[in-house]
Amino acid sequence: MRRRIMRRCIDGWTLWNTHCYGFISDRRLILEEADSFCWTHGSRLLTANNLAEHKMVASWLNDNDVVLQSTWFIGGYYAIDTVNWDTGDVITDAITPELWNIAPNLISGLYSRIAYAYGNKHTTYGWTLVSGSRHANFICEMSQNDVQFTDVMNRDYGIETLAIPPLPEQK
């Protein structure tokens, strides 16, 4: 019987509750480019589905980005007291104060994309609304089960020449 070996995460990514998170800070992209980057690496922009996941992300950013205090795109937008994730999921009670550093109703007329930023309201990272056309860091997320498929994407598909021995002569 062949055992399947599950990789923990892509090198440099963070494992938490069966998901891998890539905090991409070596390139600042506009939202569409960040989304494309995640997709080409077998993941998607982060969807923070619950408060525990939100706190994990905020904690990672506090530990690793507190000096720069960068803005980090995730995969959602805000409209009329609702967070709509790019996955199709919706949070209807999106005004939860512990999620936001700047109350969304104060700036939703200007911007709609959700990002993590070091806060005005808290001395930690939380959500704010930003323009998707600005350049920012971003957070990709994938299921740990999907990590195995990234090996296929990283494979070298170059054409190799095979040495084929000549056929034996027929008599």
N, C-alpha and C. Protein backbone atom coordinates (compact mmCIF):
# COMPACT_ATOMS: atom_id res chain seq x y z
N MET A 1 0.85 -1.18 0.00
CA MET A 1 0.00 0.00 0.00
C MET A 1 0.89 1.25 0.00
N ARG A 2 0.59 2.16 -0.85
CA ARG A 2 1.37 3.39 -0.97
C ARG A 2 0.78 4.46 -0.07
N ARG A 3 1.61 5.03 0.78
CA ARG A 3 1.15 6.09 1.68
C ARG A 3 1.34 7.44 1.02
N ARG A 4 0.33 8.27 1.17
CA ARG A 4 0.44 9.63 0.64
C ARG A 4 1.12 10.50 1.69
N ILE A 5 2.14 11.19 1.28
CA ILE A 5 2.86 12.08 2.19
C ILE A 5 2.33 13.49 1.99
N MET A 6 1.80 14.07 3.06
CA MET A 6 1.26 15.42 2.96
C MET A 6 2.32 16.43 3.38
N ARG A 7 2.59 17.36 2.50
CA ARG A 7 3.52 18.43 2.85
C ARG A 7 2.82 19.37 3.80
N ARG A 8 3.59 19.96 4.68
CA ARG A 8 2.99 20.90 5.63
C ARG A 8 2.49 22.14 4.90
N CYS A 9 3.36 22.89 4.31
CA CYS A 9 3.02 24.10 3.56
C CYS A 9 4.15 24.38 2.57
N ILE A 10 3.90 25.28 1.66
CA ILE A 10 4.95 25.76 0.77
C ILE A 10 6.02 26.42 1.65
N ASP A 11 7.28 26.26 1.28
CA ASP A 11 8.36 26.88 2.06
C ASP A 11 8.09 28.37 2.25
N GLY A 12 8.19 28.81 3.50
CA GLY A 12 7.98 30.21 3.82
C GLY A 12 6.55 30.57 4.15
N TRP A 13 5.61 29.63 3.97
CA TRP A 13 4.21 29.89 4.30
C TRP A 13 3.94 29.41 5.73
N THR A 14 2.86 29.88 6.32
CA THR A 14 2.52 29.59 7.70
C THR A 14 1.32 28.64 7.76
N LEU A 15 1.44 27.57 8.55
CA LEU A 15 0.35 26.61 8.73
C LEU A 15 -0.47 27.00 9.95
N TRP A 16 -1.79 27.00 9.77
CA TRP A 16 -2.71 27.23 10.89
C TRP A 16 -4.02 26.53 10.55
N ASN A 17 -4.46 25.63 11.44
CA ASN A 17 -5.75 24.93 11.29
C ASN A 17 -5.99 24.38 9.88
N THR A 18 -5.11 23.60 9.38
CA THR A 18 -5.20 22.93 8.08
C THR A 18 -5.20 23.87 6.88
N HIS A 19 -4.81 25.11 7.08
CA HIS A 19 -4.67 26.05 5.96
C HIS A 19 -3.26 26.63 5.98
N CYS A 20 -2.77 26.94 4.81
CA CYS A 20 -1.46 27.55 4.66
C CYS A 20 -1.64 28.99 4.21
N TYR A 21 -0.85 29.88 4.80
CA TYR A 21 -0.97 31.31 4.53
C TYR A 21 0.37 31.84 4.02
N GLY A 22 0.30 32.50 2.88
CA GLY A 22 1.48 33.14 2.33
C GLY A 22 1.36 34.64 2.51
N PHE A 23 2.21 35.20 3.35
CA PHE A 23 2.23 36.65 3.60
C PHE A 23 3.26 37.22 2.62
N ILE A 24 2.79 37.74 1.51
CA ILE A 24 3.66 38.12 0.40
C ILE A 24 4.03 39.60 0.53
N SER A 25 5.31 39.82 0.87
CA SER A 25 5.77 41.20 1.09
C SER A 25 6.96 41.57 0.21
N ASP A 26 7.39 40.66 -0.65
CA ASP A 26 8.55 40.97 -1.50
C ASP A 26 8.14 41.61 -2.82
N ARG A 27 6.86 41.83 -3.01
CA ARG A 27 6.34 42.53 -4.20
C ARG A 27 5.03 43.21 -3.81
N ARG A 28 4.92 44.46 -4.09
CA ARG A 28 3.69 45.20 -3.80
C ARG A 28 2.93 45.32 -5.11
N LEU A 29 1.71 44.78 -5.12
CA LEU A 29 0.92 44.71 -6.35
C LEU A 29 -0.43 45.38 -6.15
N ILE A 30 -1.09 45.74 -7.27
CA ILE A 30 -2.47 46.17 -7.16
C ILE A 30 -3.32 44.92 -6.93
N LEU A 31 -4.55 45.09 -6.54
CA LEU A 31 -5.39 43.97 -6.12
C LEU A 31 -5.50 42.88 -7.19
N GLU A 32 -5.78 43.24 -8.42
CA GLU A 32 -5.95 42.23 -9.47
C GLU A 32 -4.66 41.43 -9.69
N GLU A 33 -3.52 42.08 -9.60
CA GLU A 33 -2.24 41.37 -9.76
C GLU A 33 -1.99 40.45 -8.57
N ALA A 34 -2.34 40.91 -7.37
CA ALA A 34 -2.19 40.07 -6.17
C ALA A 34 -3.08 38.84 -6.27
N ASP A 35 -4.31 39.03 -6.72
CA ASP A 35 -5.24 37.92 -6.89
C ASP A 35 -4.68 36.92 -7.90
N SER A 36 -4.15 37.41 -9.00
CA SER A 36 -3.56 36.56 -10.03
C SER A 36 -2.34 35.81 -9.49
N PHE A 37 -1.50 36.48 -8.71
CA PHE A 37 -0.33 35.84 -8.11
C PHE A 37 -0.77 34.65 -7.26
N CYS A 38 -1.77 34.87 -6.40
CA CYS A 38 -2.25 33.78 -5.55
C CYS A 38 -2.75 32.61 -6.39
N TRP A 39 -3.57 32.90 -7.40
CA TRP A 39 -4.13 31.84 -8.24
C TRP A 39 -3.04 31.06 -8.95
N THR A 40 -2.01 31.73 -9.44
CA THR A 40 -0.95 31.00 -10.14
C THR A 40 -0.10 30.17 -9.19
N HIS A 41 -0.26 30.39 -7.90
CA HIS A 41 0.45 29.58 -6.90
C HIS A 41 -0.50 28.62 -6.19
N GLY A 42 -1.66 28.35 -6.80
CA GLY A 42 -2.59 27.35 -6.27
C GLY A 42 -3.37 27.79 -5.06
N SER A 43 -3.47 29.09 -4.84
CA SER A 43 -4.17 29.59 -3.66
C SER A 43 -5.13 30.70 -4.08
N ARG A 44 -5.66 31.41 -3.09
CA ARG A 44 -6.52 32.57 -3.35
C ARG A 44 -6.22 33.62 -2.30
N LEU A 45 -6.65 34.84 -2.54
CA LEU A 45 -6.51 35.87 -1.51
C LEU A 45 -7.27 35.42 -0.27
N LEU A 46 -6.73 35.75 0.89
CA LEU A 46 -7.27 35.33 2.18
C LEU A 46 -8.75 35.67 2.32
N THR A 47 -9.49 34.70 2.85
CA THR A 47 -10.86 34.89 3.29
C THR A 47 -10.87 34.61 4.79
N ALA A 48 -10.98 35.64 5.60
CA ALA A 48 -10.97 35.47 7.06
C ALA A 48 -12.38 35.08 7.51
N ASN A 49 -12.60 33.78 7.67
CA ASN A 49 -13.95 33.25 7.89
C ASN A 49 -14.46 33.37 9.31
N ASN A 50 -13.58 33.61 10.26
CA ASN A 50 -14.04 33.69 11.65
C ASN A 50 -13.07 34.54 12.46
N LEU A 51 -13.47 34.86 13.67
CA LEU A 51 -12.67 35.74 14.52
C LEU A 51 -11.33 35.11 14.89
N ALA A 52 -11.30 33.79 15.10
CA ALA A 52 -10.04 33.13 15.44
C ALA A 52 -9.02 33.26 14.31
N GLU A 53 -9.48 33.08 13.07
CA GLU A 53 -8.57 33.23 11.93
C GLU A 53 -8.10 34.68 11.81
N HIS A 54 -9.02 35.61 12.00
CA HIS A 54 -8.67 37.04 11.97
C HIS A 54 -7.59 37.35 13.02
N LYS A 55 -7.76 36.83 14.22
CA LYS A 55 -6.79 37.09 15.29
C LYS A 55 -5.43 36.46 14.97
N MET A 56 -5.42 35.28 14.34
CA MET A 56 -4.15 34.66 13.96
C MET A 56 -3.42 35.54 12.95
N VAL A 57 -4.14 36.03 11.94
CA VAL A 57 -3.52 36.88 10.92
C VAL A 57 -3.00 38.17 11.55
N ALA A 58 -3.82 38.80 12.38
CA ALA A 58 -3.40 40.05 13.05
C ALA A 58 -2.17 39.80 13.91
N SER A 59 -2.13 38.67 14.60
CA SER A 59 -0.99 38.34 15.45
C SER A 59 0.27 38.14 14.60
N TRP A 60 0.15 37.42 13.47
CA TRP A 60 1.30 37.22 12.59
C TRP A 60 1.82 38.56 12.10
N LEU A 61 0.92 39.43 11.68
CA LEU A 61 1.33 40.75 11.18
C LEU A 61 1.98 41.57 12.29
N ASN A 62 1.43 41.51 13.50
CA ASN A 62 2.03 42.23 14.63
C ASN A 62 3.45 41.74 14.91
N ASP A 63 3.66 40.44 14.78
CA ASP A 63 4.98 39.87 15.06
C ASP A 63 5.98 40.10 13.94
N ASN A 64 5.49 40.25 12.70
CA ASN A 64 6.40 40.26 11.55
C ASN A 64 6.41 41.55 10.73
N ASP A 65 5.47 42.45 10.96
CA ASP A 65 5.39 43.65 10.13
C ASP A 65 5.18 44.91 10.96
N VAL A 66 5.41 44.85 12.25
CA VAL A 66 5.09 45.98 13.11
C VAL A 66 5.96 47.20 12.82
N VAL A 67 7.18 47.00 12.33
CA VAL A 67 8.05 48.14 12.02
C VAL A 67 7.56 48.87 10.77
N LEU A 68 7.24 48.12 9.73
CA LEU A 68 6.81 48.73 8.48
C LEU A 68 5.35 49.18 8.50
N GLN A 69 4.52 48.45 9.26
CA GLN A 69 3.09 48.74 9.34
C GLN A 69 2.47 48.88 7.95
N SER A 70 2.64 47.86 7.15
CA SER A 70 2.18 47.84 5.76
C SER A 70 0.68 47.59 5.66
N THR A 71 0.17 47.80 4.47
CA THR A 71 -1.21 47.44 4.14
C THR A 71 -1.17 46.11 3.40
N TRP A 72 -2.13 45.21 3.72
CA TRP A 72 -2.13 43.86 3.18
C TRP A 72 -3.51 43.55 2.59
N PHE A 73 -3.57 43.37 1.26
CA PHE A 73 -4.83 42.99 0.61
C PHE A 73 -5.27 41.60 1.05
N ILE A 74 -6.59 41.44 1.18
CA ILE A 74 -7.22 40.13 1.34
C ILE A 74 -8.37 40.08 0.33
N GLY A 75 -9.07 38.98 0.27
CA GLY A 75 -10.04 38.77 -0.80
C GLY A 75 -11.47 39.10 -0.47
N GLY A 76 -11.76 40.32 -0.13
CA GLY A 76 -13.14 40.69 0.14
C GLY A 76 -13.41 42.15 -0.10
N TYR A 77 -14.69 42.48 -0.19
CA TYR A 77 -15.09 43.88 -0.31
C TYR A 77 -16.28 44.14 0.60
N TYR A 78 -16.48 45.40 0.91
CA TYR A 78 -17.52 45.83 1.85
C TYR A 78 -18.59 46.60 1.09
N ALA A 79 -19.85 46.27 1.38
CA ALA A 79 -20.98 47.01 0.80
C ALA A 79 -22.17 46.93 1.75
N ILE A 80 -22.64 48.06 2.21
CA ILE A 80 -23.85 48.18 3.03
C ILE A 80 -23.85 47.18 4.19
N ASP A 81 -22.94 47.36 5.11
CA ASP A 81 -22.83 46.55 6.33
C ASP A 81 -22.60 45.06 6.08
N THR A 82 -22.09 44.72 4.92
CA THR A 82 -21.86 43.32 4.56
C THR A 82 -20.46 43.15 3.98
N VAL A 83 -19.78 42.09 4.41
CA VAL A 83 -18.51 41.71 3.79
C VAL A 83 -18.81 40.60 2.80
N ASN A 84 -18.41 40.81 1.58
CA ASN A 84 -18.57 39.83 0.51
C ASN A 84 -17.19 39.30 0.16
N TRP A 85 -16.98 38.01 0.40
CA TRP A 85 -15.69 37.40 0.08
C TRP A 85 -15.66 37.00 -1.38
N ASP A 86 -14.49 37.01 -1.96
CA ASP A 86 -14.33 36.64 -3.36
C ASP A 86 -14.72 35.18 -3.61
N THR A 87 -14.82 34.38 -2.56
CA THR A 87 -15.24 32.98 -2.68
C THR A 87 -16.75 32.86 -2.82
N GLY A 88 -17.48 33.96 -2.59
CA GLY A 88 -18.94 33.94 -2.63
C GLY A 88 -19.57 33.94 -1.25
N ASP A 89 -18.79 33.67 -0.21
CA ASP A 89 -19.30 33.72 1.16
C ASP A 89 -19.59 35.16 1.55
N VAL A 90 -20.54 35.33 2.49
CA VAL A 90 -20.97 36.66 2.91
C VAL A 90 -21.02 36.71 4.44
N ILE A 91 -20.57 37.82 5.02
CA ILE A 91 -20.73 38.08 6.45
C ILE A 91 -21.70 39.25 6.56
N THR A 92 -22.87 38.99 7.14
CA THR A 92 -23.88 40.05 7.20
C THR A 92 -23.75 40.93 8.45
N ASP A 93 -23.09 40.43 9.48
CA ASP A 93 -22.89 41.24 10.69
C ASP A 93 -21.46 41.77 10.70
N ALA A 94 -21.10 42.47 9.65
CA ALA A 94 -19.71 42.85 9.39
C ALA A 94 -19.22 44.06 10.16
N ILE A 95 -20.03 44.61 11.02
CA ILE A 95 -19.60 45.81 11.76
C ILE A 95 -18.92 45.43 13.08
N THR A 96 -18.65 44.17 13.31
CA THR A 96 -18.00 43.72 14.53
C THR A 96 -16.77 44.57 14.82
N PRO A 97 -16.76 45.33 15.92
CA PRO A 97 -15.67 46.28 16.18
C PRO A 97 -14.28 45.65 16.26
N GLU A 98 -14.18 44.40 16.72
CA GLU A 98 -12.84 43.81 16.86
C GLU A 98 -12.20 43.46 15.52
N LEU A 99 -12.95 43.50 14.43
CA LEU A 99 -12.38 43.24 13.11
C LEU A 99 -11.75 44.48 12.49
N TRP A 100 -12.32 45.64 12.76
CA TRP A 100 -11.99 46.87 12.03
C TRP A 100 -11.11 47.80 12.83
N ASN A 101 -10.15 48.42 12.16
CA ASN A 101 -9.38 49.50 12.76
C ASN A 101 -10.00 50.85 12.46
N ILE A 102 -10.62 50.96 11.30
CA ILE A 102 -11.38 52.16 10.94
C ILE A 102 -12.78 51.68 10.59
N ALA A 103 -13.78 52.19 11.27
CA ALA A 103 -15.16 51.76 11.03
C ALA A 103 -15.49 51.89 9.55
N PRO A 104 -15.99 50.82 8.94
CA PRO A 104 -16.20 50.84 7.49
C PRO A 104 -17.23 51.87 7.03
N ASN A 105 -18.20 52.15 7.86
CA ASN A 105 -19.21 53.12 7.44
C ASN A 105 -18.65 54.54 7.33
N LEU A 106 -17.47 54.79 7.91
CA LEU A 106 -16.86 56.11 7.82
C LEU A 106 -16.16 56.34 6.49
N ILE A 107 -15.72 55.26 5.83
CA ILE A 107 -14.95 55.43 4.59
C ILE A 107 -15.50 54.62 3.42
N SER A 108 -16.65 53.97 3.60
CA SER A 108 -17.16 53.09 2.55
C SER A 108 -17.60 53.86 1.30
N GLY A 109 -17.82 55.16 1.41
CA GLY A 109 -18.15 55.94 0.22
C GLY A 109 -16.95 56.13 -0.69
N LEU A 110 -15.75 55.99 -0.13
CA LEU A 110 -14.53 56.19 -0.91
C LEU A 110 -13.93 54.89 -1.43
N TYR A 111 -13.91 53.87 -0.58
CA TYR A 111 -13.23 52.62 -0.90
C TYR A 111 -14.12 51.44 -0.55
N SER A 112 -13.84 50.29 -1.16
CA SER A 112 -14.65 49.11 -0.86
C SER A 112 -13.84 47.85 -0.59
N ARG A 113 -12.57 47.80 -0.98
CA ARG A 113 -11.78 46.58 -0.81
C ARG A 113 -11.24 46.49 0.61
N ILE A 114 -11.26 45.30 1.18
CA ILE A 114 -10.82 45.10 2.56
C ILE A 114 -9.34 44.74 2.57
N ALA A 115 -8.62 45.34 3.51
CA ALA A 115 -7.19 45.05 3.70
C ALA A 115 -6.89 45.11 5.19
N TYR A 116 -5.82 44.43 5.58
CA TYR A 116 -5.31 44.58 6.94
C TYR A 116 -4.38 45.79 6.96
N ALA A 117 -4.49 46.58 8.02
CA ALA A 117 -3.60 47.72 8.21
C ALA A 117 -3.41 47.92 9.70
N TYR A 118 -2.27 48.47 10.06
CA TYR A 118 -2.01 48.78 11.46
C TYR A 118 -2.90 49.93 11.85
N GLY A 119 -3.54 49.82 13.03
CA GLY A 119 -4.72 50.62 13.24
C GLY A 119 -4.68 51.95 13.92
N ASN A 120 -5.69 52.68 13.55
CA ASN A 120 -6.03 53.93 14.22
C ASN A 120 -6.76 53.62 15.52
N LYS A 121 -7.66 52.65 15.45
CA LYS A 121 -8.52 52.33 16.58
C LYS A 121 -7.82 51.45 17.61
N HIS A 122 -7.04 50.52 17.15
CA HIS A 122 -6.34 49.57 18.03
C HIS A 122 -4.84 49.67 17.77
N THR A 123 -4.05 49.22 18.71
CA THR A 123 -2.60 49.15 18.47
C THR A 123 -2.26 47.76 17.97
N THR A 124 -2.95 47.35 16.93
CA THR A 124 -2.76 46.06 16.29
C THR A 124 -3.26 46.17 14.86
N TYR A 125 -3.18 45.08 14.14
CA TYR A 125 -3.71 45.05 12.78
C TYR A 125 -5.19 44.73 12.80
N GLY A 126 -5.91 45.34 11.90
CA GLY A 126 -7.33 45.08 11.72
C GLY A 126 -7.71 45.47 10.31
N TRP A 127 -8.98 45.34 10.01
CA TRP A 127 -9.45 45.64 8.66
C TRP A 127 -9.63 47.13 8.46
N THR A 128 -9.42 47.54 7.25
CA THR A 128 -9.76 48.88 6.78
C THR A 128 -10.18 48.74 5.33
N LEU A 129 -10.74 49.78 4.78
CA LEU A 129 -11.13 49.77 3.36
C LEU A 129 -10.11 50.56 2.57
N VAL A 130 -9.72 50.02 1.43
CA VAL A 130 -8.71 50.66 0.59
C VAL A 130 -9.15 50.58 -0.88
N SER A 131 -8.45 51.30 -1.70
CA SER A 131 -8.63 51.21 -3.14
C SER A 131 -7.86 50.00 -3.67
N GLY A 132 -8.47 49.24 -4.55
CA GLY A 132 -7.78 48.10 -5.15
C GLY A 132 -6.72 48.50 -6.15
N SER A 133 -6.66 49.79 -6.49
CA SER A 133 -5.67 50.23 -7.47
C SER A 133 -4.37 50.73 -6.84
N ARG A 134 -4.29 50.69 -5.51
CA ARG A 134 -3.03 51.04 -4.85
C ARG A 134 -2.14 49.80 -4.81
N HIS A 135 -0.87 49.98 -4.62
CA HIS A 135 0.06 48.85 -4.47
C HIS A 135 0.16 48.48 -3.00
N ALA A 136 0.07 47.19 -2.71
CA ALA A 136 0.13 46.74 -1.32
C ALA A 136 0.67 45.31 -1.26
N ASN A 137 1.07 44.91 -0.06
CA ASN A 137 1.37 43.51 0.20
C ASN A 137 0.05 42.75 0.17
N PHE A 138 0.11 41.43 0.26
CA PHE A 138 -1.13 40.66 0.21
C PHE A 138 -0.94 39.32 0.89
N ILE A 139 -2.07 38.69 1.22
CA ILE A 139 -2.05 37.41 1.92
C ILE A 139 -2.80 36.38 1.08
N CYS A 140 -2.10 35.30 0.73
CA CYS A 140 -2.70 34.18 0.00
C CYS A 140 -3.03 33.07 0.99
N GLU A 141 -4.03 32.27 0.66
CA GLU A 141 -4.45 31.17 1.53
C GLU A 141 -4.77 29.95 0.67
N MET A 142 -4.41 28.76 1.18
CA MET A 142 -4.79 27.51 0.52
C MET A 142 -5.00 26.44 1.58
N SER A 143 -5.83 25.48 1.25
CA SER A 143 -6.02 24.33 2.11
C SER A 143 -4.73 23.53 2.13
N GLN A 144 -4.41 22.96 3.28
CA GLN A 144 -3.20 22.14 3.38
C GLN A 144 -3.28 20.95 2.41
N ASN A 145 -4.49 20.47 2.15
CA ASN A 145 -4.66 19.36 1.21
C ASN A 145 -4.24 19.74 -0.21
N ASP A 146 -4.30 21.02 -0.54
CA ASP A 146 -3.97 21.47 -1.89
C ASP A 146 -2.47 21.70 -2.10
N VAL A 147 -1.69 21.66 -1.02
CA VAL A 147 -0.25 21.91 -1.14
C VAL A 147 0.40 20.89 -2.07
N GLN A 148 -0.07 19.66 -2.03
CA GLN A 148 0.52 18.60 -2.87
C GLN A 148 0.44 18.94 -4.35
N PHE A 149 -0.55 19.72 -4.75
CA PHE A 149 -0.71 20.06 -6.17
C PHE A 149 0.26 21.14 -6.61
N THR A 150 0.85 21.86 -5.68
CA THR A 150 1.81 22.90 -6.07
C THR A 150 3.08 22.29 -6.63
N ASP A 151 3.38 21.03 -6.29
CA ASP A 151 4.54 20.36 -6.86
C ASP A 151 4.41 20.25 -8.38
N VAL A 152 3.21 20.01 -8.85
CA VAL A 152 2.96 19.92 -10.28
C VAL A 152 3.23 21.27 -10.93
N MET A 153 2.79 22.34 -10.28
CA MET A 153 2.97 23.68 -10.84
C MET A 153 4.44 24.09 -10.87
N ASN A 154 5.24 23.56 -9.95
CA ASN A 154 6.65 23.94 -9.88
C ASN A 154 7.55 23.04 -10.74
N ARG A 155 6.97 22.07 -11.38
CA ARG A 155 7.73 21.13 -12.19
C ARG A 155 8.30 21.81 -13.43
N ASP A 156 9.48 21.38 -13.84
CA ASP A 156 10.09 21.89 -15.07
C ASP A 156 9.50 21.12 -16.25
N TYR A 157 8.83 21.84 -17.12
CA TYR A 157 8.19 21.21 -18.26
C TYR A 157 9.03 21.33 -19.54
N GLY A 158 10.32 21.53 -19.38
CA GLY A 158 11.20 21.64 -20.54
C GLY A 158 11.22 20.33 -21.33
N ILE A 159 11.45 20.45 -22.61
CA ILE A 159 11.49 19.26 -23.46
C ILE A 159 12.88 18.64 -23.33
N GLU A 160 12.88 17.37 -23.02
CA GLU A 160 14.14 16.67 -22.88
C GLU A 160 14.31 15.69 -24.04
N THR A 161 15.53 15.50 -24.45
CA THR A 161 15.81 14.55 -25.51
C THR A 161 16.11 13.20 -24.88
N LEU A 162 15.38 12.20 -25.33
CA LEU A 162 15.60 10.85 -24.83
C LEU A 162 16.48 10.09 -25.81
N ALA A 163 17.43 9.36 -25.29
CA ALA A 163 18.28 8.52 -26.15
C ALA A 163 17.55 7.21 -26.36
N ILE A 164 17.11 6.97 -27.58
CA ILE A 164 16.39 5.75 -27.90
C ILE A 164 17.34 4.81 -28.63
N PRO A 165 17.54 3.64 -28.08
CA PRO A 165 18.47 2.72 -28.74
C PRO A 165 17.89 2.27 -30.09
N PRO A 166 18.75 1.99 -31.05
CA PRO A 166 18.26 1.55 -32.37
C PRO A 166 17.61 0.18 -32.26
N LEU A 167 16.67 -0.06 -33.15
CA LEU A 167 16.02 -1.36 -33.18
C LEU A 167 17.01 -2.41 -33.69
N PRO A 168 16.92 -3.61 -33.19
CA PRO A 168 17.83 -4.65 -33.70
C PRO A 168 17.51 -4.95 -35.17
N GLU A 169 18.53 -5.29 -35.90
CA GLU A 169 18.34 -5.60 -37.32
C GLU A 169 17.55 -6.88 -37.47
N GLN A 170 16.67 -6.86 -38.43
CA GLN A 170 15.87 -8.06 -38.68
C GLN A 170 16.56 -8.92 -39.73
N LYS A 171 16.55 -10.19 -39.54
CA LYS A 171 17.18 -11.12 -40.48
C LYS A 171 16.17 -11.83 -41.30
